[in-house]
Protein backbone atom coordinates (compact mmCIF):
# COMPACT_ATOMS: atom_id res chain seq x y z
CA TYR A 1 130.25 182.57 68.74
CA ILE A 2 133.77 181.14 68.66
CA SER A 3 136.07 183.83 67.32
CA ALA A 4 139.43 185.59 67.37
CA ASN A 5 141.36 182.76 69.02
CA GLY A 6 145.11 182.40 68.61
CA GLY A 7 144.71 178.79 67.43
CA ASN A 8 141.67 176.90 66.11
CA GLY A 9 138.06 177.77 66.80
CA VAL A 10 137.23 174.14 67.61
CA TYR A 11 139.92 171.45 67.95
CA CYS A 12 138.76 167.87 68.49
CA GLU A 13 140.63 164.63 69.26
CA GLY A 14 137.63 162.54 70.40
CA SER A 15 135.02 160.72 68.32
CA GLY A 16 131.38 161.72 67.84
CA LEU A 17 131.69 165.53 67.95
CA MET A 18 128.47 167.43 67.08
CA VAL A 19 128.62 171.13 66.21
CA ALA A 20 125.27 172.88 65.61
CA ASN A 21 123.88 176.41 65.89
CA ALA A 22 127.42 177.82 65.87
CA PHE A 23 129.09 180.91 64.45
CA ILE A 24 132.83 180.30 64.10
CA GLY A 25 135.05 183.20 63.02
CA PHE A 26 132.44 185.98 63.25
CA ASP A 27 131.60 188.79 65.64
CA LEU A 28 128.02 189.44 66.75
CA ASP A 29 127.37 191.56 63.62
CA GLY A 30 128.55 188.82 61.21
CA ASN A 31 131.87 190.52 60.46
CA ALA A 32 135.12 188.57 60.22
CA ALA A 33 136.73 187.80 63.59
CA GLY A 34 138.57 184.72 62.41
CA ASN A 35 140.60 182.22 64.32
CA ASN A 36 144.34 182.26 63.65
CA LEU A 37 144.49 178.69 62.38
CA THR A 38 141.37 176.74 61.34
CA GLY A 39 137.68 177.16 62.15
CA ILE A 40 137.12 173.47 63.00
CA ALA A 41 140.09 171.05 63.18
CA LEU A 42 139.44 167.32 63.51
CA VAL A 43 142.49 165.09 64.05
CA ALA A 44 142.68 161.42 62.98
CA SER A 45 141.00 160.15 66.18
CA ALA A 46 137.98 162.49 65.81
CA GLU A 47 135.91 159.95 63.86
CA ASN A 48 132.25 160.38 62.86
CA ALA A 49 131.98 164.11 63.57
CA ARG A 50 128.85 166.02 62.50
CA ILE A 51 129.05 169.66 61.53
CA GLY A 52 125.57 171.22 61.27
CA ASP A 53 122.16 169.79 62.09
CA GLN A 54 119.97 169.21 59.04
CA THR A 55 116.86 168.52 61.13
CA SER A 56 116.37 172.20 61.95
CA ALA A 57 117.14 175.52 60.27
CA SER A 58 118.43 176.73 63.65
CA GLY A 59 121.05 173.96 63.58
CA ALA A 60 123.14 175.80 60.98
CA VAL A 61 126.89 176.25 61.35
CA TYR A 62 128.71 179.25 59.87
CA VAL A 63 132.51 179.08 59.50
CA GLY A 64 134.67 181.86 58.06
CA GLY A 65 137.61 184.17 58.41
CA SER A 66 140.24 181.52 59.22
CA ILE A 67 143.89 181.90 58.27
CA PHE A 68 143.96 178.31 57.01
CA TYR A 69 140.80 176.21 56.49
CA GLY A 70 137.14 176.51 57.39
CA ILE A 71 137.07 172.79 58.27
CA LEU A 72 140.16 170.56 58.38
CA CYS A 73 139.48 166.84 58.84
CA ALA A 74 141.95 163.96 59.12
CA ALA A 75 139.38 161.53 60.56
CA PRO A 76 136.98 159.20 58.72
CA GLY A 77 133.21 159.56 58.77
CA LEU A 78 132.77 163.35 58.74
CA MET A 79 129.24 164.57 57.88
CA VAL A 80 128.67 168.23 57.03
CA ALA A 81 125.09 169.46 56.55
CA ASN A 82 123.27 172.78 57.02
CA ALA A 83 126.60 174.59 56.92
CA PHE A 84 127.82 177.82 55.39
CA ILE A 85 131.57 177.89 54.80
CA GLY A 86 133.04 181.31 53.95
CA LEU A 87 129.66 183.05 54.28
CA ASN A 88 127.99 184.89 57.14
CA PRO A 89 124.24 184.59 57.86
CA ASN A 90 123.55 187.52 55.49
CA GLY A 91 125.32 185.75 52.61
CA THR A 92 128.32 188.09 52.67
CA ALA A 93 131.75 186.59 51.99
CA VAL A 94 133.96 186.01 55.02
CA ALA A 95 136.79 184.14 53.37
CA ASN A 96 138.95 181.33 54.66
CA SER A 97 142.48 181.89 53.34
CA LYS A 98 143.03 178.35 52.07
CA SER A 99 140.29 175.78 51.34
CA GLY A 100 136.77 175.90 52.72
CA ILE A 101 136.90 172.19 53.58
CA ARG A 102 140.17 170.18 53.60
CA LEU A 103 139.76 166.40 53.83
CA TYR A 104 142.22 163.56 54.27
CA ARG A 105 139.67 160.76 54.86
CA SER A 106 136.12 159.75 53.84
CA ALA A 107 133.41 162.36 54.26
CA ARG A 108 129.88 163.25 53.24
CA ILE A 109 129.30 166.89 52.35
CA GLY A 110 125.60 167.83 52.18
CA ASP A 111 122.59 165.79 53.22
CA ARG A 112 120.49 164.78 50.22
CA THR A 113 117.56 163.68 52.42
CA SER A 114 116.66 167.18 53.60
CA ALA A 115 116.42 170.64 52.03
CA ASP A 116 117.87 171.97 55.32
CA GLY A 117 120.88 169.73 54.73
CA ALA A 118 122.42 172.00 52.07
CA VAL A 119 126.04 173.12 52.34
CA TYR A 120 127.23 176.41 50.83
CA ILE A 121 130.96 176.89 50.23
CA ALA A 122 132.25 180.20 48.89
CA ALA A 123 135.06 182.75 49.04
CA SER A 124 137.86 180.28 49.83
CA GLY A 125 141.35 181.44 48.89
CA LEU A 126 142.06 178.13 47.17
CA GLN A 127 139.57 175.24 46.77
CA GLY A 128 135.99 175.04 47.97
CA ILE A 129 136.64 171.37 48.82
CA HIS A 130 140.14 169.83 48.67
CA CYS A 131 140.18 166.07 49.15
CA ASP A 132 142.94 163.50 48.86
CA GLY A 133 141.19 160.78 50.85
CA PRO A 134 138.96 158.00 49.47
CA GLY A 135 135.17 157.87 49.53
CA LEU A 136 134.13 161.52 49.31
CA VAL A 137 130.40 162.02 48.66
CA VAL A 138 129.10 165.50 47.78
CA ALA A 139 125.36 166.14 47.37
CA ASN A 140 122.99 169.05 48.09
CA THR A 141 125.97 171.41 47.97
CA ILE A 142 126.30 174.84 46.39
CA ILE A 143 129.88 175.91 45.64
CA GLY A 144 130.82 179.48 44.71
CA MET A 145 127.44 181.02 45.48
CA SER A 146 125.75 182.64 48.49
CA GLN A 147 122.38 181.78 50.01
CA SER A 148 120.78 184.55 47.90
CA GLY A 149 122.30 183.27 44.66
CA THR A 150 125.09 185.84 44.42
CA THR A 151 128.22 184.45 42.76
CA ILE A 152 131.14 184.40 45.23
CA GLY A 153 133.73 182.10 43.72
CA ASN A 154 136.64 180.29 45.30
CA GLY A 155 140.23 181.24 44.41
CA ARG A 156 140.96 178.10 42.38
CA ASN A 157 138.77 175.00 42.12
CA GLY A 158 135.29 174.30 43.38
CA ILE A 159 136.25 170.69 44.17
CA TRP A 160 139.80 169.35 43.88
CA LEU A 161 140.20 165.57 44.05
CA ASP A 162 143.92 165.34 44.65
CA GLY A 163 145.67 162.30 43.19
CA PRO A 164 144.95 158.57 43.39
CA GLY A 165 144.20 158.80 47.12
CA ALA A 166 140.90 160.48 46.26
CA ALA A 167 139.45 157.28 44.80
CA ASN A 168 135.75 156.46 44.61
CA ALA A 169 134.46 160.02 44.98
CA ARG A 170 130.83 160.71 44.09
CA ILE A 171 129.74 164.23 43.15
CA GLY A 172 125.95 164.66 43.06
CA ASP A 173 123.17 162.13 43.57
CA HIS A 174 120.63 161.72 40.78
CA THR A 175 118.45 159.44 42.94
CA ALA A 176 117.45 162.14 45.45
CA ALA A 177 115.46 165.36 45.09
CA ASN A 178 118.13 167.20 47.11
CA GLY A 179 121.11 165.49 45.52
CA ALA A 180 122.30 168.18 43.10
CA VAL A 181 125.65 169.95 43.31
CA TYR A 182 125.82 173.48 41.87
């Protein structure tokens, strides 16, 4: 549990970060105990980070209750899988005040090769995903809904591709059994 910090829950400047089996912004009962800035902040040098482990259900990452973003990434190569942004393990909303995931570079949200690779994004104050970097791929992702299927929308858009910088985005993958975006 990484909670109630004055800054970010996790702040990374180095490449290759792996976060798995983590509860960021929650107390032991799953209630909001957010971090004052962002749940997970990755600066430009934090390339190829992995948030969540899709090879095991116990590799899940839960991020919620942040003043700003659930995940903020300025580095290329981010992979998010088996993650629950704005939801606790019971599927209750624990909102991030701004976007669930804020991206400035290429990223892959959801792993289409594994059912355990799903990403849920709900209860964000603004966008579920806000991206103004090129090469975003979103697959096996459920936006605005909890693990139990309860509708818990985001404040504005599910996915916001912001301007010409967000070129070559791909939402959904029809070639994979786990490629759908809901």
